[in-house]
Structure formats: C-alpha cells, structure tokens
C-alpha atoms as a PDB file:
ATOM      1  CA  MET A   1     -42.506 -62.249 113.294  1.00  0.00           C
ATOM      2  CA  PRO A   2     -45.240 -63.013 110.754  1.00  0.00           C
ATOM      3  CA  CYS A   3     -46.920 -66.354 110.994  1.00  0.00           C
ATOM      4  CA  GLY A   4     -44.872 -69.188 109.507  1.00  0.00           C
ATOM      5  CA  GLU A   5     -41.647 -67.218 109.214  1.00  0.00           C
ATOM      6  CA  SER A   6     -38.657 -68.180 111.338  1.00  0.00           C
ATOM      7  CA  ALA A   7     -35.134 -66.812 111.714  1.00  0.00           C
ATOM      8  CA  TYR A   8     -33.944 -69.784 109.745  1.00  0.00           C
ATOM      9  CA  HIS A   9     -36.150 -69.059 106.764  1.00  0.00           C
ATOM     10  CA  ARG A  10     -35.118 -65.393 106.714  1.00  0.00           C
ATOM     11  CA  GLU A  11     -31.414 -66.349 106.574  1.00  0.00           C
ATOM     12  CA  HIS A  12     -31.765 -69.162 104.017  1.00  0.00           C
ATOM     13  CA  GLN A  13     -34.287 -67.753 101.606  1.00  0.00           C
ATOM     14  CA  PRO A  14     -32.895 -66.628  98.304  1.00  0.00           C
ATOM     15  CA  ARG A  15     -32.881 -62.815  97.893  1.00  0.00           C
ATOM     16  CA  THR A  16     -35.390 -62.131  95.194  1.00  0.00           C
ATOM     17  CA  SER A  17     -36.856 -58.840  96.340  1.00  0.00           C
ATOM     18  CA  ARG A  18     -33.876 -56.587  95.491  1.00  0.00           C
ATOM     19  CA  THR A  19     -34.979 -53.265  94.159  1.00  0.00           C
ATOM     20  CA  ARG A  20     -31.523 -51.829  93.530  1.00  0.00           C
ATOM     21  CA  GLY A  21     -28.107 -53.186  93.343  1.00  0.00           C
ATOM     22  CA  SER A  22     -25.570 -54.971  91.237  1.00  0.00           C
ATOM     23  CA  LEU A  23     -28.084 -57.514  89.909  1.00  0.00           C
ATOM     24  CA  LEU A  24     -30.644 -55.182  88.390  1.00  0.00           C
ATOM     25  CA  GLY A  25     -28.372 -52.392  87.122  1.00  0.00           C
ATOM     26  CA  PRO A  26     -27.110 -54.345  84.084  1.00  0.00           C
ATOM     27  CA  LEU A  27     -30.567 -55.715  83.398  1.00  0.00           C
ATOM     28  CA  ALA A  28     -32.052 -52.268  83.310  1.00  0.00           C
ATOM     29  CA  THR A  29     -29.385 -51.048  81.022  1.00  0.00           C
ATOM     30  CA  ARG A  30     -29.847 -54.028  78.695  1.00  0.00           C
ATOM     31  CA  ARG A  31     -33.619 -53.522  78.647  1.00  0.00           C
ATOM     32  CA  HIS A  32     -33.156 -49.955  77.590  1.00  0.00           C
ATOM     33  CA  ARG A  33     -30.793 -51.007  74.783  1.00  0.00           C
ATOM     34  CA  VAL A  34     -33.205 -53.627  73.546  1.00  0.00           C
ATOM     35  CA  PHE A  35     -36.078 -51.151  73.647  1.00  0.00           C
ATOM     36  CA  ALA A  36     -34.023 -48.468  71.780  1.00  0.00           C
ATOM     37  CA  ALA A  37     -33.034 -51.026  69.147  1.00  0.00           C
ATOM     38  CA  LEU A  38     -36.659 -52.164  68.721  1.00  0.00           C
ATOM     39  CA  VAL A  39     -37.881 -48.517  68.349  1.00  0.00           C
ATOM     40  CA  GLU A  40     -35.083 -47.852  65.896  1.00  0.00           C
ATOM     41  CA  THR A  41     -35.974 -50.950  63.785  1.00  0.00           C
ATOM     42  CA  VAL A  42     -39.716 -50.163  63.689  1.00  0.00           C
ATOM     43  CA  ALA A  43     -39.127 -46.475  62.886  1.00  0.00           C
ATOM     44  CA  GLY A  44     -36.833 -47.498  60.023  1.00  0.00           C
ATOM     45  CA  SER A  45     -39.478 -49.945  58.736  1.00  0.00           C
ATOM     46  CA  ILE A  46     -42.138 -47.212  58.947  1.00  0.00           C
ATOM     47  CA  LEU A  47     -39.945 -44.831  56.956  1.00  0.00           C
ATOM     48  CA  ALA A  48     -39.120 -47.517  54.377  1.00  0.00           C
ATOM     49  CA  ASP A  49     -42.828 -48.283  53.920  1.00  0.00           C
ATOM     50  CA  HIS A  50     -43.351 -44.667  52.913  1.00  0.00           C
ATOM     51  CA  GLY A  51     -40.344 -44.641  50.551  1.00  0.00           C
ATOM     52  CA  ILE A  52     -38.275 -42.371  52.781  1.00  0.00           C
ATOM     53  CA  ALA A  53     -34.514 -43.065  53.214  1.00  0.00           C
ATOM     54  CA  ALA A  54     -33.806 -43.293  56.932  1.00  0.00           C
ATOM     55  CA  ASN A  55     -30.384 -41.526  56.992  1.00  0.00           C
ATOM     56  CA  GLY A  56     -30.084 -41.823  60.831  1.00  0.00           C
ATOM     57  CA  LEU A  57     -33.543 -40.578  61.768  1.00  0.00           C
ATOM     58  CA  PRO A  58     -34.643 -43.794  63.500  1.00  0.00           C
ATOM     59  CA  LYS A  59     -31.739 -43.513  65.879  1.00  0.00           C
ATOM     60  CA  VAL A  60     -32.663 -39.968  66.736  1.00  0.00           C
ATOM     61  CA  PHE A  61     -36.318 -40.979  67.016  1.00  0.00           C
ATOM     62  CA  ALA A  62     -35.397 -43.776  69.460  1.00  0.00           C
ATOM     63  CA  LYS A  63     -33.528 -41.235  71.640  1.00  0.00           C
ATOM     64  CA  VAL A  64     -36.578 -38.928  71.606  1.00  0.00           C
ATOM     65  CA  VAL A  65     -38.886 -41.795  72.527  1.00  0.00           C
ATOM     66  CA  GLY A  66     -36.500 -42.695  75.365  1.00  0.00           C
ATOM     67  CA  MET A  67     -36.513 -39.096  76.599  1.00  0.00           C
ATOM     68  CA  GLY A  68     -40.298 -39.057  76.389  1.00  0.00           C
ATOM     69  CA  ARG A  69     -40.681 -42.285  78.395  1.00  0.00           C
ATOM     70  CA  LYS A  70     -38.456 -40.878  81.130  1.00  0.00           C
ATOM     71  CA  THR A  71     -40.422 -37.659  81.366  1.00  0.00           C
ATOM     72  CA  ALA A  72     -43.757 -39.390  81.259  1.00  0.00           C
ATOM     73  CA  ALA A  73     -42.633 -41.708  84.061  1.00  0.00           C
ATOM     74  CA  ALA A  74     -41.453 -38.757  86.078  1.00  0.00           C
ATOM     75  CA  GLY A  75     -44.861 -37.100  85.668  1.00  0.00           C
ATOM     76  CA  THR A  76     -43.775 -34.002  83.644  1.00  0.00           C
ATOM     77  CA  MET A  77     -45.417 -35.242  80.454  1.00  0.00           C
ATOM     78  CA  ALA A  78     -48.866 -36.742  79.997  1.00  0.00           C
ATOM     79  CA  TYR A  79     -47.700 -39.397  77.483  1.00  0.00           C
ATOM     80  CA  ALA A  80     -44.562 -40.644  75.895  1.00  0.00           C
ATOM     81  CA  VAL A  81     -43.861 -40.233  72.229  1.00  0.00           C
ATOM     82  CA  SER A  82     -45.358 -43.180  70.343  1.00  0.00           C
ATOM     83  CA  MET A  83     -44.641 -44.888  67.029  1.00  0.00           C
ATOM     84  CA  ARG A  84     -47.873 -43.319  65.686  1.00  0.00           C
ATOM     85  CA  ALA A  85     -46.045 -39.974  65.731  1.00  0.00           C
ATOM     86  CA  ILE A  86     -43.383 -40.959  63.152  1.00  0.00           C
ATOM     87  CA  LYS A  87     -46.026 -42.682  60.997  1.00  0.00           C
ATOM     88  CA  THR A  88     -48.095 -39.553  61.004  1.00  0.00           C
ATOM     89  CA  ALA A  89     -45.020 -37.407  60.277  1.00  0.00           C
ATOM     90  CA  ALA A  90     -44.014 -39.624  57.395  1.00  0.00           C
ATOM     91  CA  ILE A  91     -47.504 -39.374  55.885  1.00  0.00           C
ATOM     92  CA  GLU A  92     -47.942 -35.639  56.459  1.00  0.00           C
ATOM     93  CA  ALA A  93     -44.365 -34.355  55.780  1.00  0.00           C
ATOM     94  CA  PRO A  94     -44.275 -31.852  52.951  1.00  0.00           C
ATOM     95  CA  ASP A  95     -41.197 -33.498  51.330  1.00  0.00           C
ATOM     96  CA  ASN A  96     -40.341 -37.109  50.968  1.00  0.00           C
ATOM     97  CA  ASN A  97     -37.085 -37.075  53.022  1.00  0.00           C
ATOM     98  CA  ALA A  98     -35.942 -37.730  56.537  1.00  0.00           C
ATOM     99  CA  ALA A  99     -35.166 -34.054  57.277  1.00  0.00           C
ATOM    100  CA  SER A 100     -38.728 -33.040  56.403  1.00  0.00           C
ATOM    101  CA  VAL A 101     -40.103 -35.860  58.479  1.00  0.00           C
ATOM    102  CA  ALA A 102     -37.984 -34.806  61.441  1.00  0.00           C
ATOM    103  CA  GLU A 103     -39.125 -31.146  61.180  1.00  0.00           C
ATOM    104  CA  HIS A 104     -42.780 -32.241  60.942  1.00  0.00           C
ATOM    105  CA  LEU A 105     -42.343 -34.668  63.867  1.00  0.00           C
ATOM    106  CA  ALA A 106     -40.904 -31.812  65.959  1.00  0.00           C
ATOM    107  CA  THR A 107     -44.164 -29.870  65.456  1.00  0.00           C
ATOM    108  CA  LEU A 108     -46.356 -32.914  66.106  1.00  0.00           C
ATOM    109  CA  ILE A 109     -45.055 -34.166  69.452  1.00  0.00           C
ATOM    110  CA  GLY A 110     -45.808 -31.046  71.555  1.00  0.00           C
ATOM    111  CA  PRO A 111     -49.567 -31.227  71.540  1.00  0.00           C
ATOM    112  CA  ARG A 112     -49.499 -35.066  71.879  1.00  0.00           C
ATOM    113  CA  VAL A 113     -47.417 -35.370  75.023  1.00  0.00           C
ATOM    114  CA  ARG A 114     -47.811 -32.170  77.181  1.00  0.00           C
ATOM    115  CA  LEU A 115     -49.781 -32.091  80.393  1.00  0.00           C
ATOM    116  CA  TRP A 116     -52.938 -29.985  80.631  1.00  0.00           C
ATOM    117  CA  ASP A 117     -55.076 -28.500  83.379  1.00  0.00           C
ATOM    118  CA  ALA A 118     -58.114 -30.682  83.944  1.00  0.00           C
ATOM    119  CA  ASP A 119     -60.230 -27.648  84.980  1.00  0.00           C
ATOM    120  CA  THR A 120     -59.304 -25.132  82.284  1.00  0.00           C
ATOM    121  CA  GLY A 121     -57.831 -27.310  79.454  1.00  0.00           C
ATOM    122  CA  ASP A 122     -54.780 -25.125  79.311  1.00  0.00           C
ATOM    123  CA  ARG A 123     -51.379 -26.723  78.667  1.00  0.00           C
ATOM    124  CA  LEU A 124     -49.104 -26.816  81.777  1.00  0.00           C
ATOM    125  CA  PRO A 125     -45.535 -25.593  81.584  1.00  0.00           C
ATOM    126  CA  ASP A 126     -44.168 -28.616  83.614  1.00  0.00           C
ATOM    127  CA  GLY A 127     -42.950 -30.463  80.607  1.00  0.00           C
ATOM    128  CA  ASP A 128     -41.699 -27.497  78.530  1.00  0.00           C
ATOM    129  CA  THR A 129     -38.041 -28.149  79.325  1.00  0.00           C
ATOM    130  CA  ALA A 130     -38.259 -31.813  78.389  1.00  0.00           C
ATOM    131  CA  LEU A 131     -40.268 -31.107  75.321  1.00  0.00           C
ATOM    132  CA  LYS A 132     -37.729 -28.480  74.258  1.00  0.00           C
ATOM    133  CA  GLY A 133     -35.001 -31.088  74.558  1.00  0.00           C
ATOM    134  CA  MET A 134     -36.925 -33.503  72.353  1.00  0.00           C
ATOM    135  CA  VAL A 135     -37.737 -30.822  69.750  1.00  0.00           C
ATOM    136  CA  ASP A 136     -34.109 -29.647  69.799  1.00  0.00           C
ATOM    137  CA  GLU A 137     -32.877 -33.211  69.047  1.00  0.00           C
ATOM    138  CA  LEU A 138     -35.219 -33.479  66.002  1.00  0.00           C
ATOM    139  CA  THR A 139     -34.417 -29.971  64.763  1.00  0.00           C
ATOM    140  CA  LYS A 140     -30.716 -30.530  65.126  1.00  0.00           C
ATOM    141  CA  TYR A 141     -31.031 -33.723  63.112  1.00  0.00           C
ATOM    142  CA  ALA A 142     -33.115 -31.933  60.411  1.00  0.00           C
ATOM    143  CA  LYS A 143     -30.535 -29.168  60.065  1.00  0.00           C
ATOM    144  CA  LYS A 144     -27.731 -31.642  59.837  1.00  0.00           C
ATOM    145  CA  ALA A 145     -29.578 -33.704  57.305  1.00  0.00           C
ATOM    146  CA  LYS A 146     -30.202 -30.586  55.224  1.00  0.00           C
ATOM    147  CA  GLY A 147     -26.606 -29.388  55.565  1.00  0.00           C
ATOM    148  CA  GLU A 148     -27.619 -26.260  57.492  1.00  0.00           C
ATOM    149  CA  GLU A 149     -25.410 -26.900  60.418  1.00  0.00           C
ATOM    150  CA  THR A 150     -23.243 -23.997  61.336  1.00  0.00           C
ATOM    151  CA  PRO A 151     -19.509 -24.582  60.988  1.00  0.00           C
ATOM    152  CA  PRO A 152     -17.606 -24.756  64.290  1.00  0.00           C
ATOM    153  CA  SER A 153     -15.682 -21.608  63.529  1.00  0.00           C
ATOM    154  CA  MET A 154     -18.998 -19.659  63.077  1.00  0.00           C
ATOM    155  CA  GLU A 155     -20.601 -20.737  66.310  1.00  0.00           C
ATOM    156  CA  PRO A 156     -21.425 -17.864  68.687  1.00  0.00           C
ATOM    157  CA  GLY A 157     -19.212 -17.439  71.786  1.00  0.00           C
ATOM    158  CA  GLU A 158     -15.910 -18.195  70.134  1.00  0.00           C
END
C-alpha cells in the first residue's frame, strides 16, 4: 500500500477517477451537443456578417467540424476543421449564397486538414476516407440547396 493509504480510505473515498461509466456518458453527450450548437451559432453569425442566408449550412458545418474533431483525435487527420474555413469560404465563394459557400468549403478543407509525410511533404492517404465523408456532406448540402438532388425514383440501383 502507498504511504498514508489504508483500506479504510480506499473504501470510503468518493469515486472521482471514473473514466467510463454511467456518470460520464451523459456528460460527454451533452458536451458534444453544446459544442455543436456553439459551432452552429458562430457559423450562422459568420454567414450573416457576409450577407449570406444560412439556409441550414451552419448545421451541416457543425456536423463536418464534429467529424473533423473525431478524425483529428484518432490521428487520421492533422487538424480539425476550424471556423476560419467557413469565414474564408464566405469571403472567397463565387456567389453570395450558402450553396456556393458549401462548394467552396468542400474544396478548402482538404489541404487544411490532411496529414503529410514529414520527410517528403507528400500528403498521406490515412485521412482520405474521413475527408471524403466531410466533403460528401458539404457537396450533398450544396446540391440540395441548388435543387440538383436526384429524385428517389431516378437513383441508381432501383
């Protein structure tokens, strides 16, 4: 036993060092919801500052940021998607609408978040699947916002 620790102390100390379990599960979920709501609010403000109607883009962007954080934490991406990306996309988008911003954002995030080889400088394929998921979310939103979504009866495989 470590110095100063007795069986009595071990039994009667409050359990504060739980890493998993019923206590932290709801807190982690709540933290994610608060983070997503914060990202959504800030993204909406950024779009409004540039005179762009949000039309659901902040919610999609919050989802993409969440996906990026998970992949960065897992080590398959160098960085998570940041709020600077949507600001840059709002400034540089060719048209002043949410669909154009989403399309431009889809092209911006790849070079900003992917891993690279420290020796050669080449981009590594580790995060390609995760990046494709993020780009697909933005592209799907852009198509839906433009009205280019294929009708359910026209989808391949039916």
